Each structure stands twice: as structure tokens, then as C-alpha cells.
Amino acid sequence: MNKSHLAWLPLATALSLPALATEGGGSSYPVGAENYACCALPPPGVYGMLYGQSYSADTMRDNDGDDVSPSNDFEVSASALVSRLIWVTEEQVAGGSLGFHTIIPLVDLSVDIAPGVKDSDSGLGDITVGAALGWHHSQVLHTVAVLDITVPTGSYDEDEIANIGRNHWAVQGVYGVSRLDPNGLNYGLKGMWTYNLKNSDTDYKDGQELIFDYAIGWGLGNGFTVGAGGYLYQQITDDKQNGDTVDDNRGRSLAIGPSVRYDSGKGWFVTAKYSQETQVRNRAEGDVFWIKAAFPL
């Protein structure tokens, strides 16, 4: 069996077997991380966020959606604790509030390919830094535009099975909308386009990606919002290795499941969601649980 490389899957890891999308079958962005209130920039100040993630997969899908798991023992599991620091300034640009953020993931990854073929890794993943503009169109409707850069700070070794870093830079443009109503319709939609640079160790360049995190629900008037959420991932250009196109290798996945938010009314809130992946192509297929807390500092 050829060596495979594991990098980020939802917040942390992805499996790359021969002929699977992107080098690692995943993305520099932790797909599905956002929920309600994804795209409402808070008032000027400094804020903290903590994300927790648990992901597991026991199936690989090829370009036709067929199960190509290397053995009955195949399993990928990952957990992550991610801190995010947000600074919203007093400055206004194009009518929007200017802000900056940094995302720092701590990742624990294990992979079992077949009997006797196992690996694990843990530590600091790839850090993301970015700048944002946020607009408040009404008391309930908000939008945001962001430019992010992912830095290859996570550990990587092309001869290992498990890697918590992708070993390349990525640039991501983001635009999103949130509707937050304590007594009515709530939704969040965050759309992202990712341009990946080349992994210099393997001469592999991942294709461009479109990613949408979403949630829709109803505010119950007691601080709780309940509904559904997940993500849509679609690779839109081919991978390249040694300058040659890798055919029939574009990734795709749709995830959906229950989603809930609790707003304390005192400046902090918590969201949680569980999502199952379906319609998967050229990626691992599994399920993921997310929890996020946001609070002023």
C-alpha cells in the first residue's frame, strides 16, 4: 500500500489514499465549524471563542461514491480544541466595522488503515489569521466579509501516515449573513472560496474549494434557538502533482444534523451541532460534533 497523508478533516484531519481529493482529502478550513451567529460581528472590543470538535469516519468514498476503504478496520478519529481571538476596532471602512482575528487549533489525530498499519499525531495545527468587515443592516440582520490566510504551522512529514498540518499556505475569501431573532427565524450562511498553494515537499497543489457552513432554526424566546445545520463542500478545480492534472479527484460532501444555540443575554453564547456526512466523493465519510462558546474579554 502506498503511504497516505492525514491532515485536517473538519477541524483537524483528512485522509489521503491514492486517487482521493486534495492531498489529504480535506481542507485548510475546518468545514462545518460555524453555526448560528457565524456572521454577526460584535461591537468594538476584544472577544474570545473556544471550539471543541470530535470527528470519526470508517468509510472512504471514491469518485463514483463507492466504498474504497482499505480494510474493515479502517478508522479515522480526531478531536480538537481551538481558541480564537477577535478584535473589533472603532474604525469604519465602507460603512462596516473593521476587525481582526487569529485561530489557533490544538489537534489530536489517530488513524487505523489496516491491521498493523496505524499512526497518530497531536499538537499545534495550522494557524489562521485574517481581517474582517462587518455590517449591521438592522437589529436582526448582519453580514460580514473576511480575508483569511492559513499558515502551515502544524507538524508534517511526508513519510508518516498521520499529519496534523497540511504543509502549504492557503488564502480564503469569506462572505456570510446571519439573522438573529430571539423570537423568530434565525439563520447563518457562511460561504468560502479557498485557493491553495503548493506543498513543496510533495509537489502537490490542491484544487480550489467552495465551502458553505449553514444553520437554520427558530428562536424560542427563552435564549434558545433550535433547528438544523451542517455544511456543503465542493472542490471546483482539479488537483495538480508535478504540474500534471489529477483527474476524477474532486472532493464533495454534504453534512446535516440538529443544531442549537443558547444566548445568555449577558454577552456570551454557546452553540452546538451534530452532523452526518452524505453525498461524499473522494473523501472520508463520517460524523462530527461541534460545540462553540463566545464571550467578551
C-alpha atoms as a PDB file:
ATOM      1  CA  MET A   1       0.000   0.000   0.000  1.00  0.00           C
ATOM      2  CA  ASN A   2       1.243   3.495  -0.770  1.00  0.00           C
ATOM      3  CA  LYS A   3       1.797   5.803   2.158  1.00  0.00           C
ATOM      4  CA  SER A   4      -1.155   8.084   2.875  1.00  0.00           C
ATOM      5  CA  HIS A   5      -1.144  11.528   4.419  1.00  0.00           C
ATOM      6  CA  LEU A   6      -3.570  12.765   7.028  1.00  0.00           C
ATOM      7  CA  ALA A   7      -4.071  16.490   7.554  1.00  0.00           C
ATOM      8  CA  TRP A   8      -7.151  18.491   8.596  1.00  0.00           C
ATOM      9  CA  LEU A   9     -10.572  16.862   8.436  1.00  0.00           C
ATOM     10  CA  PRO A  10     -13.289  19.021   9.705  1.00  0.00           C
ATOM     11  CA  LEU A  11     -11.269  20.914  12.266  1.00  0.00           C
ATOM     12  CA  ALA A  12      -8.358  18.736  12.140  1.00  0.00           C
ATOM     13  CA  THR A  13      -7.836  15.823   9.904  1.00  0.00           C
ATOM     14  CA  ALA A  14      -8.232  14.333   6.487  1.00  0.00           C
ATOM     15  CA  LEU A  15      -7.230  11.113   4.898  1.00  0.00           C
ATOM     16  CA  SER A  16      -5.424  10.853   1.586  1.00  0.00           C
ATOM     17  CA  LEU A  17      -5.377   7.493  -0.121  1.00  0.00           C
ATOM     18  CA  PRO A  18      -4.422   7.112  -3.780  1.00  0.00           C
ATOM     19  CA  ALA A  19      -6.913   8.964  -6.030  1.00  0.00           C
ATOM     20  CA  LEU A  20      -8.689  10.859  -3.244  1.00  0.00           C
ATOM     21  CA  ALA A  21      -9.486  14.541  -3.447  1.00  0.00           C
ATOM     22  CA  THR A  22      -6.930  17.105  -2.445  1.00  0.00           C
ATOM     23  CA  GLU A  23      -3.761  15.908  -0.786  1.00  0.00           C
ATOM     24  CA  GLY A  24      -5.391  14.724   2.412  1.00  0.00           C
ATOM     25  CA  GLY A  25      -8.971  14.638   1.201  1.00  0.00           C
ATOM     26  CA  GLY A  26      -9.737  17.661   3.366  1.00  0.00           C
ATOM     27  CA  SER A  27      -9.339  21.403   3.539  1.00  0.00           C
ATOM     28  CA  SER A  28      -7.320  24.054   5.336  1.00  0.00           C
ATOM     29  CA  TYR A  29     -10.681  25.289   6.647  1.00  0.00           C
ATOM     30  CA  PRO A  30     -12.447  23.241   9.351  1.00  0.00           C
ATOM     31  CA  VAL A  31     -15.635  22.514   7.400  1.00  0.00           C
ATOM     32  CA  GLY A  32     -18.811  22.805   9.446  1.00  0.00           C
ATOM     33  CA  ALA A  33     -17.236  24.774  12.291  1.00  0.00           C
ATOM     34  CA  GLU A  34     -19.708  27.670  12.191  1.00  0.00           C
ATOM     35  CA  ASN A  35     -23.317  27.776  13.304  1.00  0.00           C
ATOM     36  CA  TYR A  36     -25.880  30.453  14.204  1.00  0.00           C
ATOM     37  CA  ALA A  37     -24.257  33.880  14.678  1.00  0.00           C
ATOM     38  CA  CYS A  38     -21.486  32.916  12.254  1.00  0.00           C
ATOM     39  CA  CYS A  39     -21.530  36.258  10.507  1.00  0.00           C
ATOM     40  CA  ALA A  40     -22.530  38.946  13.019  1.00  0.00           C
ATOM     41  CA  LEU A  41     -19.512  40.999  14.090  1.00  0.00           C
ATOM     42  CA  PRO A  42     -19.838  42.112  17.745  1.00  0.00           C
ATOM     43  CA  PRO A  43     -19.423  45.736  18.937  1.00  0.00           C
ATOM     44  CA  PRO A  44     -15.899  47.169  19.232  1.00  0.00           C
ATOM     45  CA  GLY A  45     -13.832  45.287  21.765  1.00  0.00           C
ATOM     46  CA  VAL A  46     -11.833  42.107  22.306  1.00  0.00           C
ATOM     47  CA  TYR A  47     -13.552  38.711  22.328  1.00  0.00           C
ATOM     48  CA  GLY A  48     -12.626  35.101  22.799  1.00  0.00           C
ATOM     49  CA  MET A  49     -14.067  31.935  21.281  1.00  0.00           C
ATOM     50  CA  LEU A  50     -13.449  28.296  22.112  1.00  0.00           C
ATOM     51  CA  TYR A  51     -14.363  25.492  19.720  1.00  0.00           C
ATOM     52  CA  GLY A  52     -14.446  21.805  20.531  1.00  0.00           C
ATOM     53  CA  GLN A  53     -14.706  19.131  17.849  1.00  0.00           C
ATOM     54  CA  SER A  54     -14.960  15.369  17.704  1.00  0.00           C
ATOM     55  CA  TYR A  55     -14.842  13.623  14.334  1.00  0.00           C
ATOM     56  CA  SER A  56     -14.842   9.949  13.329  1.00  0.00           C
ATOM     57  CA  ALA A  57     -15.002   8.147   9.976  1.00  0.00           C
ATOM     58  CA  ASP A  58     -14.850   4.490   8.955  1.00  0.00           C
ATOM     59  CA  THR A  59     -15.585   4.751   5.218  1.00  0.00           C
ATOM     60  CA  MET A  60     -13.727   6.138   2.192  1.00  0.00           C
ATOM     61  CA  ARG A  61     -15.627   7.098  -0.967  1.00  0.00           C
ATOM     62  CA  ASP A  62     -14.203   7.331  -4.489  1.00  0.00           C
ATOM     63  CA  ASN A  63     -15.260   9.472  -7.453  1.00  0.00           C
ATOM     64  CA  ASP A  64     -18.373   7.316  -8.003  1.00  0.00           C
ATOM     65  CA  GLY A  65     -19.333   7.272  -4.353  1.00  0.00           C
ATOM     66  CA  ASP A  66     -18.267   3.654  -3.920  1.00  0.00           C
ATOM     67  CA  ASP A  67     -16.762   2.400  -0.680  1.00  0.00           C
ATOM     68  CA  VAL A  68     -12.986   2.078  -1.175  1.00  0.00           C
ATOM     69  CA  SER A  69     -12.000   1.692   2.476  1.00  0.00           C
ATOM     70  CA  PRO A  70      -8.645  -0.125   2.594  1.00  0.00           C
ATOM     71  CA  SER A  71      -9.870  -2.659   5.193  1.00  0.00           C
ATOM     72  CA  ASN A  72     -12.678  -3.462   7.601  1.00  0.00           C
ATOM     73  CA  ASP A  73     -10.504  -2.000  10.341  1.00  0.00           C
ATOM     74  CA  PHE A  74     -10.241   1.405   8.687  1.00  0.00           C
ATOM     75  CA  GLU A  75     -10.978   4.268  11.084  1.00  0.00           C
ATOM     76  CA  VAL A  76     -10.014   7.908  11.411  1.00  0.00           C
ATOM     77  CA  SER A  77     -10.730   9.835  14.600  1.00  0.00           C
ATOM     78  CA  ALA A  78      -9.822  13.380  15.514  1.00  0.00           C
ATOM     79  CA  SER A  79     -10.542  15.818  18.285  1.00  0.00           C
ATOM     80  CA  ALA A  80      -9.607  19.462  18.504  1.00  0.00           C
ATOM     81  CA  LEU A  81      -9.675  22.346  20.941  1.00  0.00           C
ATOM     82  CA  VAL A  82      -9.469  25.635  19.095  1.00  0.00           C
ATOM     83  CA  SER A  83      -9.033  29.133  20.502  1.00  0.00           C
ATOM     84  CA  ARG A  84      -9.975  32.204  18.514  1.00  0.00           C
ATOM     85  CA  LEU A  85      -9.158  35.801  19.436  1.00  0.00           C
ATOM     86  CA  ILE A  86     -11.213  38.594  17.823  1.00  0.00           C
ATOM     87  CA  TRP A  87     -10.508  42.328  17.947  1.00  0.00           C
ATOM     88  CA  VAL A  88     -13.198  44.650  16.606  1.00  0.00           C
ATOM     89  CA  THR A  89     -11.826  48.163  16.207  1.00  0.00           C
ATOM     90  CA  GLU A  90     -13.588  51.534  16.276  1.00  0.00           C
ATOM     91  CA  GLU A  91     -12.620  52.050  12.615  1.00  0.00           C
ATOM     92  CA  GLN A  92     -15.217  52.092   9.829  1.00  0.00           C
ATOM     93  CA  VAL A  93     -14.365  51.014   6.261  1.00  0.00           C
ATOM     94  CA  ALA A  94     -17.020  51.118   3.509  1.00  0.00           C
ATOM     95  CA  GLY A  95     -19.629  51.511   6.213  1.00  0.00           C
ATOM     96  CA  GLY A  96     -18.529  48.370   8.049  1.00  0.00           C
ATOM     97  CA  SER A  97     -16.692  47.766  11.307  1.00  0.00           C
ATOM     98  CA  LEU A  98     -13.052  46.671  10.883  1.00  0.00           C
ATOM     99  CA  GLY A  99     -11.893  43.634  12.821  1.00  0.00           C
ATOM    100  CA  PHE A 100      -9.051  41.121  13.015  1.00  0.00           C
ATOM    101  CA  HIS A 101      -8.822  37.558  14.290  1.00  0.00           C
ATOM    102  CA  THR A 102      -6.451  34.660  14.922  1.00  0.00           C
ATOM    103  CA  ILE A 103      -7.418  30.964  15.103  1.00  0.00           C
ATOM    104  CA  ILE A 104      -5.114  28.538  16.947  1.00  0.00           C
ATOM    105  CA  PRO A 105      -6.006  24.804  16.871  1.00  0.00           C
ATOM    106  CA  LEU A 106      -4.718  22.044  19.128  1.00  0.00           C
ATOM    107  CA  VAL A 107      -5.338  18.695  17.443  1.00  0.00           C
ATOM    108  CA  ASP A 108      -5.262  15.019  18.389  1.00  0.00           C
ATOM    109  CA  LEU A 109      -5.415  12.601  15.449  1.00  0.00           C
ATOM    110  CA  SER A 110      -5.323   8.830  15.110  1.00  0.00           C
ATOM    111  CA  VAL A 111      -5.739   6.623  12.049  1.00  0.00           C
ATOM    112  CA  ASP A 112      -6.077   2.876  11.651  1.00  0.00           C
ATOM    113  CA  ILE A 113      -5.659   1.852   7.987  1.00  0.00           C
ATOM    114  CA  ALA A 114      -5.439  -1.925   8.402  1.00  0.00           C
ATOM    115  CA  PRO A 115      -4.143  -4.427  10.956  1.00  0.00           C
ATOM    116  CA  GLY A 116      -0.658  -3.295  11.922  1.00  0.00           C
ATOM    117  CA  VAL A 117      -0.910  -0.021   9.936  1.00  0.00           C
ATOM    118  CA  LYS A 118      -1.634   2.709  12.457  1.00  0.00           C
ATOM    119  CA  ASP A 119      -0.380   6.174  13.263  1.00  0.00           C
ATOM    120  CA  SER A 120      -1.229   9.147  15.455  1.00  0.00           C
ATOM    121  CA  ASP A 121      -0.147  12.729  15.985  1.00  0.00           C
ATOM    122  CA  SER A 122      -1.092  15.601  18.270  1.00  0.00           C
ATOM    123  CA  GLY A 123      -0.120  19.199  18.857  1.00  0.00           C
ATOM    124  CA  LEU A 124      -0.457  22.586  17.213  1.00  0.00           C
ATOM    125  CA  GLY A 125      -2.259  22.604  13.853  1.00  0.00           C
ATOM    126  CA  ASP A 126      -2.203  25.217  11.097  1.00  0.00           C
ATOM    127  CA  ILE A 127      -2.887  28.748  12.394  1.00  0.00           C
ATOM    128  CA  THR A 128      -5.231  31.128  10.544  1.00  0.00           C
ATOM    129  CA  VAL A 129      -5.069  34.942  10.637  1.00  0.00           C
ATOM    130  CA  GLY A 130      -7.495  37.319   8.971  1.00  0.00           C
ATOM    131  CA  ALA A 131      -9.197  40.703   8.651  1.00  0.00           C
ATOM    132  CA  ALA A 132     -12.944  41.335   8.511  1.00  0.00           C
ATOM    133  CA  LEU A 133     -15.566  43.972   7.782  1.00  0.00           C
ATOM    134  CA  GLY A 134     -18.956  43.633   9.439  1.00  0.00           C
ATOM    135  CA  TRP A 135     -22.233  45.398   8.653  1.00  0.00           C
ATOM    136  CA  HIS A 136     -25.397  45.647  10.762  1.00  0.00           C
ATOM    137  CA  HIS A 137     -28.368  46.160   8.465  1.00  0.00           C
ATOM    138  CA  SER A 138     -30.968  46.003  11.240  1.00  0.00           C
ATOM    139  CA  GLN A 139     -31.261  44.694  14.791  1.00  0.00           C
ATOM    140  CA  VAL A 140     -31.546  41.145  13.448  1.00  0.00           C
ATOM    141  CA  LEU A 141     -29.721  41.118  10.078  1.00  0.00           C
ATOM    142  CA  HIS A 142     -25.923  41.175   9.796  1.00  0.00           C
ATOM    143  CA  THR A 143     -23.287  40.447   7.137  1.00  0.00           C
ATOM    144  CA  VAL A 144     -19.514  40.046   7.142  1.00  0.00           C
ATOM    145  CA  ALA A 145     -16.673  39.859   4.608  1.00  0.00           C
ATOM    146  CA  VAL A 146     -13.339  38.286   5.576  1.00  0.00           C
ATOM    147  CA  LEU A 147      -9.932  37.609   4.054  1.00  0.00           C
ATOM    148  CA  ASP A 148      -8.106  34.749   5.802  1.00  0.00           C
ATOM    149  CA  ILE A 149      -4.629  33.298   5.428  1.00  0.00           C
ATOM    150  CA  THR A 150      -3.790  29.828   6.761  1.00  0.00           C
ATOM    151  CA  VAL A 151      -0.161  29.383   7.788  1.00  0.00           C
ATOM    152  CA  PRO A 152       1.488  25.908   7.702  1.00  0.00           C
ATOM    153  CA  THR A 153       2.447  25.761  11.381  1.00  0.00           C
ATOM    154  CA  GLY A 154       1.243  22.200  12.024  1.00  0.00           C
ATOM    155  CA  SER A 155       3.653  19.261  12.045  1.00  0.00           C
ATOM    156  CA  TYR A 156       4.072  17.403   8.749  1.00  0.00           C
ATOM    157  CA  ASP A 157       6.196  14.518   7.470  1.00  0.00           C
ATOM    158  CA  GLU A 158       5.525  13.098   4.014  1.00  0.00           C
ATOM    159  CA  ASP A 159       6.707   9.663   5.183  1.00  0.00           C
ATOM    160  CA  GLU A 160       4.138   9.476   8.003  1.00  0.00           C
ATOM    161  CA  ILE A 161       0.514   8.337   7.795  1.00  0.00           C
ATOM    162  CA  ALA A 162      -0.865  10.900  10.260  1.00  0.00           C
ATOM    163  CA  ASN A 163      -0.169  14.626   9.896  1.00  0.00           C
ATOM    164  CA  ILE A 164      -1.916  17.488  11.686  1.00  0.00           C
ATOM    165  CA  GLY A 165      -0.552  20.108   9.271  1.00  0.00           C
ATOM    166  CA  ARG A 166      -1.153  20.410   5.522  1.00  0.00           C
ATOM    167  CA  ASN A 167       2.316  21.845   4.750  1.00  0.00           C
ATOM    168  CA  HIS A 168       1.061  24.593   2.450  1.00  0.00           C
ATOM    169  CA  TRP A 169      -0.349  28.105   2.667  1.00  0.00           C
ATOM    170  CA  ALA A 170      -3.963  28.867   1.760  1.00  0.00           C
ATOM    171  CA  VAL A 171      -5.907  32.078   1.073  1.00  0.00           C
ATOM    172  CA  GLN A 172      -9.617  32.233   1.696  1.00  0.00           C
ATOM    173  CA  GLY A 173     -12.281  34.800   0.847  1.00  0.00           C
ATOM    174  CA  VAL A 174     -15.387  34.685   3.029  1.00  0.00           C
ATOM    175  CA  TYR A 175     -18.824  36.314   2.879  1.00  0.00           C
ATOM    176  CA  GLY A 176     -21.685  35.485   5.182  1.00  0.00           C
ATOM    177  CA  VAL A 177     -25.046  36.530   6.584  1.00  0.00           C
ATOM    178  CA  SER A 178     -26.722  35.957   9.934  1.00  0.00           C
ATOM    179  CA  ARG A 179     -30.272  36.619  11.059  1.00  0.00           C
ATOM    180  CA  LEU A 180     -30.588  36.568  14.851  1.00  0.00           C
ATOM    181  CA  ASP A 181     -34.081  36.891  16.319  1.00  0.00           C
ATOM    182  CA  PRO A 182     -34.757  35.661  19.867  1.00  0.00           C
ATOM    183  CA  ASN A 183     -38.441  35.139  18.990  1.00  0.00           C
ATOM    184  CA  GLY A 184     -38.431  34.026  15.371  1.00  0.00           C
ATOM    185  CA  LEU A 185     -36.473  32.894  12.346  1.00  0.00           C
ATOM    186  CA  ASN A 186     -32.720  32.508  12.733  1.00  0.00           C
ATOM    187  CA  TYR A 187     -30.179  31.517  10.106  1.00  0.00           C
ATOM    188  CA  GLY A 188     -26.491  31.686   9.345  1.00  0.00           C
ATOM    189  CA  LEU A 189     -24.826  31.096   5.979  1.00  0.00           C
ATOM    190  CA  LYS A 190     -21.071  31.443   5.581  1.00  0.00           C
ATOM    191  CA  GLY A 191     -19.680  30.995   2.055  1.00  0.00           C
ATOM    192  CA  MET A 192     -15.959  30.493   1.457  1.00  0.00           C
ATOM    193  CA  TRP A 193     -13.653  30.214  -1.538  1.00  0.00           C
ATOM    194  CA  THR A 194     -10.228  28.702  -0.879  1.00  0.00           C
ATOM    195  CA  TYR A 195      -7.111  28.994  -3.029  1.00  0.00           C
ATOM    196  CA  ASN A 196      -4.406  26.517  -2.008  1.00  0.00           C
ATOM    197  CA  LEU A 197      -0.692  26.917  -2.597  1.00  0.00           C
ATOM    198  CA  LYS A 198       1.633  24.005  -3.332  1.00  0.00           C
ATOM    199  CA  ASN A 199       3.059  21.528  -0.855  1.00  0.00           C
ATOM    200  CA  SER A 200       6.763  21.887  -1.651  1.00  0.00           C
ATOM    201  CA  ASP A 201       7.656  18.503  -0.115  1.00  0.00           C
ATOM    202  CA  THR A 202       5.409  16.511  -2.480  1.00  0.00           C
ATOM    203  CA  ASP A 203       4.955  19.000  -5.372  1.00  0.00           C
ATOM    204  CA  TYR A 204       1.190  18.588  -4.873  1.00  0.00           C
ATOM    205  CA  LYS A 205      -1.220  21.519  -5.300  1.00  0.00           C
ATOM    206  CA  ASP A 206      -4.777  21.126  -4.052  1.00  0.00           C
ATOM    207  CA  GLY A 207      -7.607  22.441  -6.221  1.00  0.00           C
ATOM    208  CA  GLN A 208      -9.778  25.419  -5.333  1.00  0.00           C
ATOM    209  CA  GLU A 209     -12.705  24.818  -2.982  1.00  0.00           C
ATOM    210  CA  LEU A 210     -16.170  26.216  -2.225  1.00  0.00           C
ATOM    211  CA  ILE A 211     -17.460  25.670   1.294  1.00  0.00           C
ATOM    212  CA  PHE A 212     -20.754  26.687   2.897  1.00  0.00           C
ATOM    213  CA  ASP A 213     -21.454  26.364   6.625  1.00  0.00           C
ATOM    214  CA  TYR A 214     -25.148  26.786   7.398  1.00  0.00           C
ATOM    215  CA  ALA A 215     -27.733  26.697  10.171  1.00  0.00           C
ATOM    216  CA  ILE A 216     -31.456  27.491  10.241  1.00  0.00           C
ATOM    217  CA  GLY A 217     -33.773  27.456  13.227  1.00  0.00           C
ATOM    218  CA  TRP A 218     -36.339  29.218  15.368  1.00  0.00           C
ATOM    219  CA  GLY A 219     -35.816  31.379  18.462  1.00  0.00           C
ATOM    220  CA  LEU A 220     -37.971  30.158  21.342  1.00  0.00           C
ATOM    221  CA  GLY A 221     -37.896  33.413  23.310  1.00  0.00           C
ATOM    222  CA  ASN A 222     -36.023  31.921  26.277  1.00  0.00           C
ATOM    223  CA  GLY A 223     -32.480  32.269  24.914  1.00  0.00           C
ATOM    224  CA  PHE A 224     -32.626  29.010  22.939  1.00  0.00           C
ATOM    225  CA  THR A 225     -32.656  28.599  19.160  1.00  0.00           C
ATOM    226  CA  VAL A 226     -33.239  25.099  17.774  1.00  0.00           C
ATOM    227  CA  GLY A 227     -33.055  23.802  14.224  1.00  0.00           C
ATOM    228  CA  ALA A 228     -30.668  22.121  11.794  1.00  0.00           C
ATOM    229  CA  GLY A 229     -27.190  22.836  10.451  1.00  0.00           C
ATOM    230  CA  GLY A 230     -24.221  21.429   8.630  1.00  0.00           C
ATOM    231  CA  TYR A 231     -22.039  22.213   5.650  1.00  0.00           C
ATOM    232  CA  LEU A 232     -21.609  21.782   1.899  1.00  0.00           C
ATOM    233  CA  TYR A 233     -18.141  21.179   0.450  1.00  0.00           C
ATOM    234  CA  GLN A 234     -17.348  21.175  -3.277  1.00  0.00           C
ATOM    235  CA  GLN A 235     -13.924  21.176  -4.916  1.00  0.00           C
ATOM    236  CA  ILE A 236     -14.172  23.279  -8.093  1.00  0.00           C
ATOM    237  CA  THR A 237     -10.789  22.811  -9.805  1.00  0.00           C
ATOM    238  CA  ASP A 238      -8.518  19.791 -10.232  1.00  0.00           C
ATOM    239  CA  ASP A 239      -5.507  18.966  -8.109  1.00  0.00           C
ATOM    240  CA  LYS A 240      -2.087  19.025  -9.716  1.00  0.00           C
ATOM    241  CA  GLN A 241       1.005  16.967  -8.925  1.00  0.00           C
ATOM    242  CA  ASN A 242       4.383  17.620 -10.555  1.00  0.00           C
ATOM    243  CA  GLY A 243       2.484  20.040 -12.810  1.00  0.00           C
ATOM    244  CA  ASP A 244       0.109  17.352 -14.138  1.00  0.00           C
ATOM    245  CA  THR A 245      -3.659  17.346 -13.575  1.00  0.00           C
ATOM    246  CA  VAL A 246      -5.031  14.668 -11.248  1.00  0.00           C
ATOM    247  CA  ASP A 247      -8.249  13.525 -12.974  1.00  0.00           C
ATOM    248  CA  ASP A 248     -11.504  12.392 -11.328  1.00  0.00           C
ATOM    249  CA  ASN A 249     -10.313  13.556  -7.943  1.00  0.00           C
ATOM    250  CA  ARG A 250     -12.569  16.433  -6.859  1.00  0.00           C
ATOM    251  CA  GLY A 251     -13.994  16.197  -3.365  1.00  0.00           C
ATOM    252  CA  ARG A 252     -17.629  16.683  -2.381  1.00  0.00           C
ATOM    253  CA  SER A 253     -19.620  16.297   0.791  1.00  0.00           C
ATOM    254  CA  LEU A 254     -22.923  17.386   2.345  1.00  0.00           C
ATOM    255  CA  ALA A 255     -23.495  17.275   6.096  1.00  0.00           C
ATOM    256  CA  ILE A 256     -26.685  17.879   8.077  1.00  0.00           C
ATOM    257  CA  GLY A 257     -27.957  17.369  11.605  1.00  0.00           C
ATOM    258  CA  PRO A 258     -29.509  19.078  14.660  1.00  0.00           C
ATOM    259  CA  SER A 259     -28.241  22.473  15.769  1.00  0.00           C
ATOM    260  CA  VAL A 260     -28.889  24.530  18.912  1.00  0.00           C
ATOM    261  CA  ARG A 261     -27.844  27.907  20.325  1.00  0.00           C
ATOM    262  CA  TYR A 262     -28.187  29.418  23.779  1.00  0.00           C
ATOM    263  CA  ASP A 263     -27.744  33.188  24.220  1.00  0.00           C
ATOM    264  CA  SER A 264     -27.338  34.258  27.829  1.00  0.00           C
ATOM    265  CA  GLY A 265     -28.349  37.851  27.123  1.00  0.00           C
ATOM    266  CA  LYS A 266     -25.221  38.858  29.065  1.00  0.00           C
ATOM    267  CA  GLY A 267     -22.743  38.967  26.179  1.00  0.00           C
ATOM    268  CA  TRP A 268     -21.877  35.279  25.888  1.00  0.00           C
ATOM    269  CA  PHE A 269     -23.462  32.422  23.968  1.00  0.00           C
ATOM    270  CA  VAL A 270     -22.946  28.726  23.204  1.00  0.00           C
ATOM    271  CA  THR A 271     -23.778  26.764  20.042  1.00  0.00           C
ATOM    272  CA  ALA A 272     -23.667  23.024  19.386  1.00  0.00           C
ATOM    273  CA  LYS A 273     -24.439  20.762  16.446  1.00  0.00           C
ATOM    274  CA  TYR A 274     -24.075  17.186  15.319  1.00  0.00           C
ATOM    275  CA  SER A 275     -23.777  16.447  11.585  1.00  0.00           C
ATOM    276  CA  GLN A 276     -23.618  13.304   9.474  1.00  0.00           C
ATOM    277  CA  GLU A 277     -21.877  13.385   6.095  1.00  0.00           C
ATOM    278  CA  THR A 278     -23.566  12.178   2.912  1.00  0.00           C
ATOM    279  CA  GLN A 279     -23.182  12.516  -0.875  1.00  0.00           C
ATOM    280  CA  VAL A 280     -19.432  12.087  -0.313  1.00  0.00           C
ATOM    281  CA  ARG A 281     -16.964  11.831  -3.192  1.00  0.00           C
ATOM    282  CA  ASN A 282     -13.190  11.329  -2.927  1.00  0.00           C
ATOM    283  CA  ARG A 283     -13.172  11.838   0.827  1.00  0.00           C
ATOM    284  CA  ALA A 284     -13.683  10.100   4.129  1.00  0.00           C
ATOM    285  CA  GLU A 285     -17.319   9.792   5.276  1.00  0.00           C
ATOM    286  CA  GLY A 286     -18.199  10.117   8.930  1.00  0.00           C
ATOM    287  CA  ASP A 287     -19.906  12.279  11.534  1.00  0.00           C
ATOM    288  CA  VAL A 288     -18.845  15.265  13.592  1.00  0.00           C
ATOM    289  CA  PHE A 289     -19.875  17.058  16.773  1.00  0.00           C
ATOM    290  CA  TRP A 290     -19.122  20.755  17.291  1.00  0.00           C
ATOM    291  CA  ILE A 291     -19.501  22.994  20.322  1.00  0.00           C
ATOM    292  CA  LYS A 292     -18.574  26.681  20.409  1.00  0.00           C
ATOM    293  CA  ALA A 293     -18.570  29.315  23.159  1.00  0.00           C
ATOM    294  CA  ALA A 294     -18.124  33.069  22.566  1.00  0.00           C
ATOM    295  CA  PHE A 295     -17.527  35.674  25.252  1.00  0.00           C
ATOM    296  CA  PRO A 296     -16.135  39.207  25.739  1.00  0.00           C
ATOM    297  CA  LEU A 297     -12.676  39.597  27.290  1.00  0.00           C
END
